[in-house]
PDB file of N, CA and C in Angstrom:
ATOM      1  N   UNK A   1      -1.646   5.570  -2.961  1.00  0.00           N
ATOM      2  CA  UNK A   1      -1.969   4.341  -2.328  1.00  0.00           C
ATOM      3  C   UNK A   1      -1.077   4.255  -1.100  1.00  0.00           C
ATOM      4  N   UNK A   2      -1.698   4.142   0.059  1.00  0.00           N
ATOM      5  CA  UNK A   2      -0.945   4.047   1.302  1.00  0.00           C
ATOM      6  C   UNK A   2      -0.801   2.579   1.678  1.00  0.00           C
ATOM      7  N   UNK A   3       0.433   2.104   1.772  1.00  0.00           N
ATOM      8  CA  UNK A   3       0.682   0.727   2.172  1.00  0.00           C
ATOM      9  C   UNK A   3       0.730   0.681   3.689  1.00  0.00           C
ATOM     10  N   UNK A   4      -0.225  -0.053   4.285  1.00  0.00           N
ATOM     11  CA  UNK A   4      -0.322  -0.105   5.736  1.00  0.00           C
ATOM     12  C   UNK A   4      -0.933  -1.419   6.186  1.00  0.00           C
ATOM     13  N   UNK A   5      -0.764  -1.708   7.467  1.00  0.00           N
ATOM     14  CA  UNK A   5      -1.369  -2.905   8.049  1.00  0.00           C
ATOM     15  C   UNK A   5      -2.893  -2.730   8.059  1.00  0.00           C
ATOM     16  N   UNK A   6      -3.633  -3.830   8.050  1.00  0.00           N
ATOM     17  CA  UNK A   6      -5.092  -3.722   8.113  1.00  0.00           C
ATOM     18  C   UNK A   6      -5.539  -2.950   9.365  1.00  0.00           C
ATOM     19  N   UNK A   7      -6.586  -2.182   9.200  1.00  0.00           N
ATOM     20  CA  UNK A   7      -7.153  -1.381  10.270  1.00  0.00           C
ATOM     21  C   UNK A   7      -7.823  -2.287  11.291  1.00  0.00           C
ATOM     22  N   UNK A   8      -7.565  -2.046  12.571  1.00  0.00           N
ATOM     23  CA  UNK A   8      -8.215  -2.783  13.649  1.00  0.00           C
ATOM     24  C   UNK A   8      -9.030  -1.781  14.454  1.00  0.00           C
ATOM     25  N   UNK A   9     -10.347  -1.939  14.447  1.00  0.00           N
ATOM     26  CA  UNK A   9     -11.226  -1.021  15.160  1.00  0.00           C
ATOM     27  C   UNK A   9     -11.363  -1.489  16.605  1.00  0.00           C
ATOM     28  N   UNK A  10     -11.170  -0.558  17.531  1.00  0.00           N
ATOM     29  CA  UNK A  10     -11.282  -0.840  18.966  1.00  0.00           C
ATOM     30  C   UNK A  10     -12.226   0.194  19.571  1.00  0.00           C
ATOM     31  N   UNK A  11     -13.507  -0.126  19.520  1.00  0.00           N
ATOM     32  CA  UNK A  11     -14.500   0.823  20.033  1.00  0.00           C
ATOM     33  C   UNK A  11     -14.547   2.069  19.181  1.00  0.00           C
ATOM     34  N   UNK A  12     -14.207   3.210  19.800  1.00  0.00           N
ATOM     35  CA  UNK A  12     -14.225   4.473  19.062  1.00  0.00           C
ATOM     36  C   UNK A  12     -12.848   4.869  18.550  1.00  0.00           C
ATOM     37  N   UNK A  13     -11.888   3.966  18.641  1.00  0.00           N
ATOM     38  CA  UNK A  13     -10.541   4.237  18.123  1.00  0.00           C
ATOM     39  C   UNK A  13     -10.118   3.102  17.188  1.00  0.00           C
ATOM     40  N   UNK A  14      -8.943   3.255  16.584  1.00  0.00           N
ATOM     41  CA  UNK A  14      -8.445   2.229  15.680  1.00  0.00           C
ATOM     42  C   UNK A  14      -6.925   2.175  15.737  1.00  0.00           C
ATOM     43  N   UNK A  15      -6.381   1.034  15.339  1.00  0.00           N
ATOM     44  CA  UNK A  15      -4.944   0.822  15.276  1.00  0.00           C
ATOM     45  C   UNK A  15      -4.559   0.409  13.864  1.00  0.00           C
ATOM     46  N   UNK A  16      -3.413   0.865  13.412  1.00  0.00           N
ATOM     47  CA  UNK A  16      -2.827   0.426  12.156  1.00  0.00           C
ATOM     48  C   UNK A  16      -1.341   0.755  12.186  1.00  0.00           C
ATOM     49  N   UNK A  17      -0.602   0.248  11.221  1.00  0.00           N
ATOM     50  CA  UNK A  17       0.823   0.541  11.102  1.00  0.00           C
ATOM     51  C   UNK A  17       1.115   0.957   9.674  1.00  0.00           C
ATOM     52  N   UNK A  18       1.716   2.129   9.510  1.00  0.00           N
ATOM     53  CA  UNK A  18       2.111   2.601   8.179  1.00  0.00           C
ATOM     54  C   UNK A  18       3.370   1.859   7.770  1.00  0.00           C
ATOM     55  N   UNK A  19       3.378   1.312   6.565  1.00  0.00           N
ATOM     56  CA  UNK A  19       4.517   0.537   6.104  1.00  0.00           C
ATOM     57  C   UNK A  19       5.518   1.372   5.315  1.00  0.00           C
ATOM     58  N   UNK A  20       5.520   2.670   5.491  1.00  0.00           N
ATOM     59  CA  UNK A  20       6.501   3.614   4.960  1.00  0.00           C
ATOM     60  C   UNK A  20       6.382   3.896   3.466  1.00  0.00           C
ATOM     61  N   UNK A  21       6.712   2.970   2.541  1.00  0.00           N
ATOM     62  CA  UNK A  21       6.637   3.382   1.140  1.00  0.00           C
ATOM     63  C   UNK A  21       5.185   3.435   0.668  1.00  0.00           C
ATOM     64  N   UNK A  22       4.873   4.441  -0.085  1.00  0.00           N
ATOM     65  CA  UNK A  22       3.545   4.577  -0.674  1.00  0.00           C
ATOM     66  C   UNK A  22       3.691   4.660  -2.184  1.00  0.00           C
ATOM     67  N   UNK A  23       2.592   4.518  -2.880  1.00  0.00           N
ATOM     68  CA  UNK A  23       2.588   4.574  -4.343  1.00  0.00           C
ATOM     69  C   UNK A  23       1.609   5.649  -4.783  1.00  0.00           C
ATOM     70  N   UNK A  24       2.053   6.533  -5.650  1.00  0.00           N
ATOM     71  CA  UNK A  24       1.185   7.543  -6.234  1.00  0.00           C
ATOM     72  C   UNK A  24       0.773   7.038  -7.607  1.00  0.00           C
ATOM     73  N   UNK A  25      -0.540   7.002  -7.877  1.00  0.00           N
ATOM     74  CA  UNK A  25      -1.045   6.505  -9.149  1.00  0.00           C
ATOM     75  C   UNK A  25      -1.817   7.625  -9.838  1.00  0.00           C
ATOM     76  N   UNK A  26      -1.427   7.948 -11.068  1.00  0.00           N
ATOM     77  CA  UNK A  26      -2.106   8.972 -11.855  1.00  0.00           C
ATOM     78  C   UNK A  26      -3.395   8.405 -12.448  1.00  0.00           C
ATOM     79  N   UNK A  27      -4.347   9.265 -12.817  1.00  0.00           N
ATOM     80  CA  UNK A  27      -5.590   8.777 -13.415  1.00  0.00           C
ATOM     81  C   UNK A  27      -5.377   7.869 -14.624  1.00  0.00           C
ATOM     82  N   UNK A  28      -4.309   8.070 -15.374  1.00  0.00           N
ATOM     83  CA  UNK A  28      -4.039   7.241 -16.543  1.00  0.00           C
ATOM     84  C   UNK A  28      -3.393   5.906 -16.228  1.00  0.00           C
ATOM     85  N   UNK A  29      -3.044   5.696 -14.951  1.00  0.00           N
ATOM     86  CA  UNK A  29      -2.454   4.423 -14.559  1.00  0.00           C
ATOM     87  C   UNK A  29      -0.955   4.457 -14.318  1.00  0.00           C
ATOM     88  N   UNK A  30      -0.285   5.546 -14.712  1.00  0.00           N
ATOM     89  CA  UNK A  30       1.153   5.655 -14.429  1.00  0.00           C
ATOM     90  C   UNK A  30       1.336   5.754 -12.920  1.00  0.00           C
ATOM     91  N   UNK A  31       2.441   5.199 -12.399  1.00  0.00           N
ATOM     92  CA  UNK A  31       2.656   5.227 -10.958  1.00  0.00           C
ATOM     93  C   UNK A  31       4.111   5.530 -10.644  1.00  0.00           C
ATOM     94  N   UNK A  32       4.334   5.925  -9.392  1.00  0.00           N
ATOM     95  CA  UNK A  32       5.693   6.145  -8.907  1.00  0.00           C
ATOM     96  C   UNK A  32       5.692   5.952  -7.395  1.00  0.00           C
ATOM     97  N   UNK A  33       6.856   5.595  -6.867  1.00  0.00           N
ATOM     98  CA  UNK A  33       7.008   5.441  -5.430  1.00  0.00           C
ATOM     99  C   UNK A  33       6.985   6.802  -4.759  1.00  0.00           C
ATOM    100  N   UNK A  34       6.461   6.851  -3.545  1.00  0.00           N
ATOM    101  CA  UNK A  34       6.530   8.040  -2.692  1.00  0.00           C
ATOM    102  C   UNK A  34       7.254   7.638  -1.403  1.00  0.00           C
ATOM    103  N   UNK A  35       7.690   8.603  -0.657  1.00  0.00           N
ATOM    104  CA  UNK A  35       8.273   8.378   0.664  1.00  0.00           C
ATOM    105  C   UNK A  35       9.500   7.473   0.642  1.00  0.00           C
ATOM    106  N   UNK A  36      10.232   7.483  -0.450  1.00  0.00           N
ATOM    107  CA  UNK A  36      11.420   6.631  -0.534  1.00  0.00           C
ATOM    108  C   UNK A  36      12.454   6.998   0.526  1.00  0.00           C
ATOM    109  N   UNK A  37      12.545   8.285   0.882  1.00  0.00           N
ATOM    110  CA  UNK A  37      13.495   8.702   1.911  1.00  0.00           C
ATOM    111  C   UNK A  37      13.105   8.142   3.276  1.00  0.00           C
ATOM    112  N   UNK A  38      11.802   8.141   3.593  1.00  0.00           N
ATOM    113  CA  UNK A  38      11.348   7.564   4.857  1.00  0.00           C
ATOM    114  C   UNK A  38      11.632   6.067   4.902  1.00  0.00           C
ATOM    115  N   UNK A  39      11.407   5.403   3.788  1.00  0.00           N
ATOM    116  CA  UNK A  39      11.645   3.963   3.717  1.00  0.00           C
ATOM    117  C   UNK A  39      13.134   3.651   3.880  1.00  0.00           C
ATOM    118  N   UNK A  40      13.982   4.443   3.229  1.00  0.00           N
ATOM    119  CA  UNK A  40      15.431   4.249   3.347  1.00  0.00           C
ATOM    120  C   UNK A  40      15.876   4.441   4.796  1.00  0.00           C
ATOM    121  N   UNK A  41      15.337   5.439   5.467  1.00  0.00           N
ATOM    122  CA  UNK A  41      15.692   5.683   6.871  1.00  0.00           C
ATOM    123  C   UNK A  41      15.220   4.524   7.747  1.00  0.00           C
ATOM    124  N   UNK A  42      14.029   4.016   7.495  1.00  0.00           N
ATOM    125  CA  UNK A  42      13.523   2.873   8.263  1.00  0.00           C
ATOM    126  C   UNK A  42      14.428   1.657   8.075  1.00  0.00           C
ATOM    127  N   UNK A  43      14.951   1.483   6.869  1.00  0.00           N
ATOM    128  CA  UNK A  43      15.882   0.380   6.628  1.00  0.00           C
ATOM    129  C   UNK A  43      17.177   0.587   7.410  1.00  0.00           C
ATOM    130  N   UNK A  44      17.688   1.817   7.423  1.00  0.00           N
ATOM    131  CA  UNK A  44      18.911   2.124   8.174  1.00  0.00           C
ATOM    132  C   UNK A  44      18.731   1.814   9.656  1.00  0.00           C
ATOM    133  N   UNK A  45      17.539   2.094  10.181  1.00  0.00           N
ATOM    134  CA  UNK A  45      17.256   1.872  11.594  1.00  0.00           C
ATOM    135  C   UNK A  45      16.917   0.420  11.910  1.00  0.00           C
ATOM    136  N   UNK A  46      16.770  -0.405  10.865  1.00  0.00           N
ATOM    137  CA  UNK A  46      16.437  -1.806  11.081  1.00  0.00           C
ATOM    138  C   UNK A  46      14.950  -2.069  11.248  1.00  0.00           C
ATOM    139  N   UNK A  47      14.123  -1.045  10.996  1.00  0.00           N
ATOM    140  CA  UNK A  47      12.672  -1.218  11.102  1.00  0.00           C
ATOM    141  C   UNK A  47      12.177  -2.131   9.986  1.00  0.00           C
ATOM    142  N   UNK A  48      12.701  -1.926   8.776  1.00  0.00           N
ATOM    143  CA  UNK A  48      12.362  -2.758   7.615  1.00  0.00           C
ATOM    144  C   UNK A  48      13.636  -3.350   7.056  1.00  0.00           C
ATOM    145  N   UNK A  49      13.549  -4.591   6.644  1.00  0.00           N
ATOM    146  CA  UNK A  49      14.688  -5.220   5.987  1.00  0.00           C
ATOM    147  C   UNK A  49      14.313  -5.496   4.540  1.00  0.00           C
ATOM    148  N   UNK A  50      15.305  -5.688   3.725  1.00  0.00           N
ATOM    149  CA  UNK A  50      15.082  -5.922   2.295  1.00  0.00           C
ATOM    150  C   UNK A  50      16.132  -6.906   1.836  1.00  0.00           C
ATOM    151  N   UNK A  51      15.870  -7.889   1.050  1.00  0.00           N
ATOM    152  CA  UNK A  51      14.595  -8.210   0.416  1.00  0.00           C
ATOM    153  C   UNK A  51      13.637  -8.936   1.367  1.00  0.00           C
ATOM    154  N   UNK A  52      12.390  -8.961   0.973  1.00  0.00           N
ATOM    155  CA  UNK A  52      11.349  -9.576   1.795  1.00  0.00           C
ATOM    156  C   UNK A  52      10.902 -10.925   1.255  1.00  0.00           C
ATOM    157  N   UNK A  53      11.257 -11.215  -0.015  1.00  0.00           N
ATOM    158  CA  UNK A  53      10.817 -12.463  -0.624  1.00  0.00           C
ATOM    159  C   UNK A  53       9.638 -12.268  -1.569  1.00  0.00           C
ATOM    160  N   UNK A  54       9.070 -11.062  -1.582  1.00  0.00           N
ATOM    161  CA  UNK A  54       7.911 -10.787  -2.440  1.00  0.00           C
ATOM    162  C   UNK A  54       8.287 -10.015  -3.704  1.00  0.00           C
ATOM    163  N   UNK A  55       9.553  -9.756  -3.919  1.00  0.00           N
ATOM    164  CA  UNK A  55       9.958  -8.894  -5.044  1.00  0.00           C
ATOM    165  C   UNK A  55       9.557  -9.440  -6.412  1.00  0.00           C
ATOM    166  N   UNK A  56       9.528 -10.727  -6.578  1.00  0.00           N
ATOM    167  CA  UNK A  56       9.219 -11.324  -7.882  1.00  0.00           C
ATOM    168  C   UNK A  56       7.766 -11.770  -8.011  1.00  0.00           C
ATOM    169  N   UNK A  57       6.953 -11.587  -6.946  1.00  0.00           N
ATOM    170  CA  UNK A  57       5.564 -12.042  -6.983  1.00  0.00           C
ATOM    171  C   UNK A  57       4.766 -11.233  -7.997  1.00  0.00           C
ATOM    172  N   UNK A  58       3.925 -11.905  -8.737  1.00  0.00           N
ATOM    173  CA  UNK A  58       3.009 -11.268  -9.678  1.00  0.00           C
ATOM    174  C   UNK A  58       1.648 -11.929  -9.523  1.00  0.00           C
ATOM    175  N   UNK A  59       0.610 -11.160  -9.689  1.00  0.00           N
ATOM    176  CA  UNK A  59      -0.746 -11.702  -9.602  1.00  0.00           C
ATOM    177  C   UNK A  59      -0.956 -12.722 -10.713  1.00  0.00           C
ATOM    178  N   UNK A  60      -1.723 -13.772 -10.456  1.00  0.00           N
ATOM    179  CA  UNK A  60      -2.011 -14.745 -11.506  1.00  0.00           C
ATOM    180  C   UNK A  60      -2.693 -14.063 -12.697  1.00  0.00           C
ATOM    181  N   UNK A  61      -2.400 -14.532 -13.881  1.00  0.00           N
ATOM    182  CA  UNK A  61      -2.949 -13.926 -15.103  1.00  0.00           C
ATOM    183  C   UNK A  61      -4.472 -13.943 -15.137  1.00  0.00           C
ATOM    184  N   UNK A  62      -5.086 -14.929 -14.489  1.00  0.00           N
ATOM    185  CA  UNK A  62      -6.551 -15.012 -14.529  1.00  0.00           C
ATOM    186  C   UNK A  62      -7.230 -13.977 -13.627  1.00  0.00           C
ATOM    187  N   UNK A  63      -6.475 -13.312 -12.758  1.00  0.00           N
ATOM    188  CA  UNK A  63      -7.065 -12.270 -11.926  1.00  0.00           C
ATOM    189  C   UNK A  63      -7.410 -11.069 -12.796  1.00  0.00           C
ATOM    190  N   UNK A  64      -8.603 -10.572 -12.654  1.00  0.00           N
ATOM    191  CA  UNK A  64      -9.064  -9.405 -13.409  1.00  0.00           C
ATOM    192  C   UNK A  64      -9.352  -8.257 -12.439  1.00  0.00           C
ATOM    193  N   UNK A  65      -9.334  -7.013 -12.914  1.00  0.00           N
ATOM    194  CA  UNK A  65      -9.664  -5.887 -12.037  1.00  0.00           C
ATOM    195  C   UNK A  65     -11.085  -6.024 -11.504  1.00  0.00           C
ATOM    196  N   UNK A  66     -11.257  -5.636 -10.253  1.00  0.00           N
ATOM    197  CA  UNK A  66     -12.588  -5.651  -9.663  1.00  0.00           C
ATOM    198  C   UNK A  66     -13.378  -4.452 -10.157  1.00  0.00           C
ATOM    199  N   UNK A  67     -14.677  -4.591 -10.217  1.00  0.00           N
ATOM    200  CA  UNK A  67     -15.530  -3.466 -10.604  1.00  0.00           C
ATOM    201  C   UNK A  67     -16.054  -2.793  -9.347  1.00  0.00           C
ATOM    202  N   UNK A  68     -16.235  -1.491  -9.432  1.00  0.00           N
ATOM    203  CA  UNK A  68     -16.785  -0.741  -8.310  1.00  0.00           C
ATOM    204  C   UNK A  68     -18.313  -0.794  -8.372  1.00  0.00           C
ATOM    205  N   UNK A  69     -18.964  -0.785  -7.218  1.00  0.00           N
ATOM    206  CA  UNK A  69     -20.425  -0.835  -7.226  1.00  0.00           C
ATOM    207  C   UNK A  69     -21.024   0.459  -7.771  1.00  0.00           C
ATOM    208  N   UNK A  70     -22.217   0.371  -8.279  1.00  0.00           N
ATOM    209  CA  UNK A  70     -22.953   1.534  -8.793  1.00  0.00           C
ATOM    210  C   UNK A  70     -23.033   2.596  -7.701  1.00  0.00           C
ATOM    211  N   UNK A  71     -22.714   3.852  -8.051  1.00  0.00           N
ATOM    212  CA  UNK A  71     -22.826   4.956  -7.116  1.00  0.00           C
ATOM    213  C   UNK A  71     -21.704   5.047  -6.086  1.00  0.00           C
ATOM    214  N   UNK A  72     -20.591   4.351  -6.311  1.00  0.00           N
ATOM    215  CA  UNK A  72     -19.485   4.319  -5.343  1.00  0.00           C
ATOM    216  C   UNK A  72     -18.901   5.697  -5.059  1.00  0.00           C
ATOM    217  N   UNK A  73     -18.994   6.619  -6.028  1.00  0.00           N
ATOM    218  CA  UNK A  73     -18.373   7.929  -5.873  1.00  0.00           C
ATOM    219  C   UNK A  73     -19.355   9.015  -5.430  1.00  0.00           C
ATOM    220  N   UNK A  74     -20.545   8.624  -5.026  1.00  0.00           N
ATOM    221  CA  UNK A  74     -21.561   9.582  -4.604  1.00  0.00           C
ATOM    222  C   UNK A  74     -21.487   9.746  -3.101  1.00  0.00           C
ATOM    223  N   UNK A  75     -21.386  10.973  -2.650  1.00  0.00           N
ATOM    224  CA  UNK A  75     -21.299  11.225  -1.200  1.00  0.00           C
ATOM    225  C   UNK A  75     -22.677  11.370  -0.619  1.00  0.00           C
TER     226      UNK A  75
END
């Protein structure tokens, strides 16, 4: 999972910003952080600060996983 700013399409090009840390998710649901070294370097340079205020946020319990549409994996 790549954490990045929303994509902005500008004609035949696009803009986005990579937010450095990414998450790798296994098919079974286990996950781990990726790019921790890049994130640490960005913090050293002052690009990202920590904490952000979102560390304790959790989705409301009533939120359920979204379902994918029929045929989503067909190319």
